[in-house]
C-alpha atoms as a PDB file:
ATOM      1  CA  MET A   1     -20.257  37.519  19.592  1.00  0.00           C
ATOM      2  CA  LYS A   2     -19.637  34.378  17.562  1.00  0.00           C
ATOM      3  CA  ALA A   3     -23.362  33.670  17.280  1.00  0.00           C
ATOM      4  CA  ALA A   4     -24.050  37.292  16.298  1.00  0.00           C
ATOM      5  CA  ALA A   5     -21.291  37.154  13.673  1.00  0.00           C
ATOM      6  CA  ARG A   6     -22.670  33.932  12.213  1.00  0.00           C
ATOM      7  CA  LEU A   7     -26.177  35.357  12.024  1.00  0.00           C
ATOM      8  CA  GLN A   8     -24.850  38.586  10.479  1.00  0.00           C
ATOM      9  CA  LEU A   9     -23.008  36.600   7.809  1.00  0.00           C
ATOM     10  CA  ILE A  10     -26.185  34.673   6.969  1.00  0.00           C
ATOM     11  CA  LYS A  11     -28.130  37.933   6.782  1.00  0.00           C
ATOM     12  CA  ASP A  12     -25.502  39.567   4.564  1.00  0.00           C
ATOM     13  CA  GLU A  13     -25.306  36.553   2.247  1.00  0.00           C
ATOM     14  CA  TRP A  14     -28.980  35.556   2.415  1.00  0.00           C
ATOM     15  CA  GLU A  15     -29.457  35.125  -1.328  1.00  0.00           C
ATOM     16  CA  THR A  16     -26.494  32.781  -1.674  1.00  0.00           C
ATOM     17  CA  SER A  17     -26.735  30.908   1.630  1.00  0.00           C
ATOM     18  CA  SER A  18     -28.467  27.556   1.755  1.00  0.00           C
ATOM     19  CA  PHE A  19     -31.283  26.605   4.100  1.00  0.00           C
ATOM     20  CA  ALA A  20     -28.823  24.261   5.825  1.00  0.00           C
ATOM     21  CA  GLU A  21     -26.421  27.164   6.505  1.00  0.00           C
ATOM     22  CA  GLN A  22     -29.251  29.326   7.802  1.00  0.00           C
ATOM     23  CA  ASP A  23     -30.542  26.505   9.982  1.00  0.00           C
ATOM     24  CA  GLU A  24     -27.051  25.799  11.338  1.00  0.00           C
ATOM     25  CA  ALA A  25     -26.544  29.438  12.382  1.00  0.00           C
ATOM     26  CA  LEU A  26     -29.967  29.552  14.041  1.00  0.00           C
ATOM     27  CA  SER A  27     -29.373  26.199  15.733  1.00  0.00           C
ATOM     28  CA  TYR A  28     -26.027  27.384  17.106  1.00  0.00           C
ATOM     29  CA  ASN A  29     -27.707  30.499  18.483  1.00  0.00           C
ATOM     30  CA  ARG A  30     -30.527  28.463  20.031  1.00  0.00           C
ATOM     31  CA  LYS A  31     -28.022  26.117  21.719  1.00  0.00           C
ATOM     32  CA  LEU A  32     -26.064  29.072  23.056  1.00  0.00           C
ATOM     33  CA  TRP A  33     -29.237  30.609  24.505  1.00  0.00           C
ATOM     34  CA  THR A  34     -30.281  27.280  25.998  1.00  0.00           C
ATOM     35  CA  ILE A  35     -26.962  27.037  27.844  1.00  0.00           C
ATOM     36  CA  LEU A  36     -27.075  30.689  28.911  1.00  0.00           C
ATOM     37  CA  VAL A  37     -30.620  30.651  30.265  1.00  0.00           C
ATOM     38  CA  THR A  38     -30.218  27.251  31.937  1.00  0.00           C
ATOM     39  CA  SER A  39     -27.095  28.385  33.734  1.00  0.00           C
ATOM     40  CA  ALA A  40     -28.356  31.864  34.609  1.00  0.00           C
ATOM     41  CA  THR A  41     -31.696  30.713  35.982  1.00  0.00           C
ATOM     42  CA  SER A  42     -30.505  27.670  37.917  1.00  0.00           C
ATOM     43  CA  LYS A  43     -30.879  27.531  41.691  1.00  0.00           C
ATOM     44  CA  GLN A  44     -27.090  27.650  41.953  1.00  0.00           C
ATOM     45  CA  SER A  45     -26.932  30.953  40.082  1.00  0.00           C
ATOM     46  CA  GLU A  46     -26.193  33.927  42.314  1.00  0.00           C
ATOM     47  CA  LEU A  47     -27.939  36.368  39.983  1.00  0.00           C
ATOM     48  CA  PRO A  48     -30.777  38.408  41.481  1.00  0.00           C
ATOM     49  CA  GLN A  49     -34.230  36.981  40.745  1.00  0.00           C
ATOM     50  CA  ASP A  50     -35.250  39.934  38.564  1.00  0.00           C
ATOM     51  CA  ILE A  51     -32.248  39.366  36.281  1.00  0.00           C
ATOM     52  CA  LYS A  52     -33.035  35.654  36.122  1.00  0.00           C
ATOM     53  CA  ASP A  53     -36.622  36.497  35.156  1.00  0.00           C
ATOM     54  CA  ASN A  54     -35.514  39.001  32.521  1.00  0.00           C
ATOM     55  CA  LEU A  55     -33.062  36.535  30.972  1.00  0.00           C
ATOM     56  CA  ALA A  56     -35.747  33.844  30.900  1.00  0.00           C
ATOM     57  CA  SER A  57     -38.142  36.224  29.141  1.00  0.00           C
ATOM     58  CA  LEU A  58     -35.474  37.262  26.672  1.00  0.00           C
ATOM     59  CA  ALA A  59     -34.631  33.628  25.966  1.00  0.00           C
ATOM     60  CA  MET A  60     -38.300  32.865  25.299  1.00  0.00           C
ATOM     61  CA  PHE A  61     -38.361  35.728  22.790  1.00  0.00           C
ATOM     62  CA  VAL A  62     -35.205  34.380  21.119  1.00  0.00           C
ATOM     63  CA  PHE A  63     -36.684  30.872  20.870  1.00  0.00           C
ATOM     64  CA  LYS A  64     -40.048  32.082  19.523  1.00  0.00           C
ATOM     65  CA  HIS A  65     -38.405  34.487  17.088  1.00  0.00           C
ATOM     66  CA  THR A  66     -36.119  31.715  15.855  1.00  0.00           C
ATOM     67  CA  MET A  67     -39.169  29.559  15.127  1.00  0.00           C
ATOM     68  CA  SER A  68     -40.728  32.501  13.299  1.00  0.00           C
ATOM     69  CA  ILE A  69     -37.643  32.797  11.109  1.00  0.00           C
ATOM     70  CA  LEU A  70     -37.662  29.085  10.365  1.00  0.00           C
ATOM     71  CA  SER A  71     -41.350  29.114   9.437  1.00  0.00           C
ATOM     72  CA  ASP A  72     -41.133  32.318   7.355  1.00  0.00           C
ATOM     73  CA  PRO A  73     -37.491  32.928   6.450  1.00  0.00           C
ATOM     74  CA  LYS A  74     -36.587  36.570   5.790  1.00  0.00           C
ATOM     75  CA  PRO A  75     -33.153  38.119   6.316  1.00  0.00           C
ATOM     76  CA  GLU A  76     -34.490  41.215   8.080  1.00  0.00           C
ATOM     77  CA  LYS A  77     -35.866  38.982  10.842  1.00  0.00           C
ATOM     78  CA  LEU A  78     -32.294  38.210  11.906  1.00  0.00           C
ATOM     79  CA  THR A  79     -31.674  41.828  12.926  1.00  0.00           C
ATOM     80  CA  SER A  80     -33.236  41.530  16.376  1.00  0.00           C
ATOM     81  CA  LEU A  81     -31.349  38.313  17.214  1.00  0.00           C
ATOM     82  CA  ILE A  82     -28.072  39.875  16.095  1.00  0.00           C
ATOM     83  CA  SER A  83     -28.728  42.975  18.171  1.00  0.00           C
ATOM     84  CA  ILE A  84     -29.707  41.003  21.284  1.00  0.00           C
ATOM     85  CA  ASN A  85     -26.618  38.805  21.044  1.00  0.00           C
ATOM     86  CA  ARG A  86     -24.298  41.762  20.561  1.00  0.00           C
ATOM     87  CA  ASN A  87     -25.822  43.667  23.478  1.00  0.00           C
ATOM     88  CA  ILE A  88     -25.677  40.679  25.830  1.00  0.00           C
ATOM     89  CA  ALA A  89     -22.082  39.929  24.810  1.00  0.00           C
ATOM     90  CA  GLU A  90     -21.095  43.543  25.345  1.00  0.00           C
ATOM     91  CA  GLY A  91     -22.756  43.543  28.765  1.00  0.00           C
ATOM     92  CA  LEU A  92     -20.887  40.396  29.744  1.00  0.00           C
ATOM     93  CA  ARG A  93     -17.592  42.013  28.795  1.00  0.00           C
ATOM     94  CA  VAL A  94     -18.095  44.905  31.200  1.00  0.00           C
ATOM     95  CA  ARG A  95     -16.535  44.220  34.575  1.00  0.00           C
ATOM     96  CA  PRO A  96     -18.215  45.826  37.577  1.00  0.00           C
ATOM     97  CA  GLU A  97     -15.900  48.006  39.611  1.00  0.00           C
END
């Protein structure tokens, strides 16, 4: 949620935010996704293989989309990253019964 909030703030304040602030928010998100996908897809992870594969694919999208934003910065491009982060965070909050 923290990464989503940071990206949302950058999107909301796009015109007044600096490139350094935008880059910092995207870098934080990229680091978070690197940790998530590395942990989730490791051999020690007990996640089913299909979930590991889906997370790896989603992480690749996040990384490629981040590069797209950096090469052609537009605030509307942040929407998908914000949405993905919020949905993943919400899913992690749900405890299976």
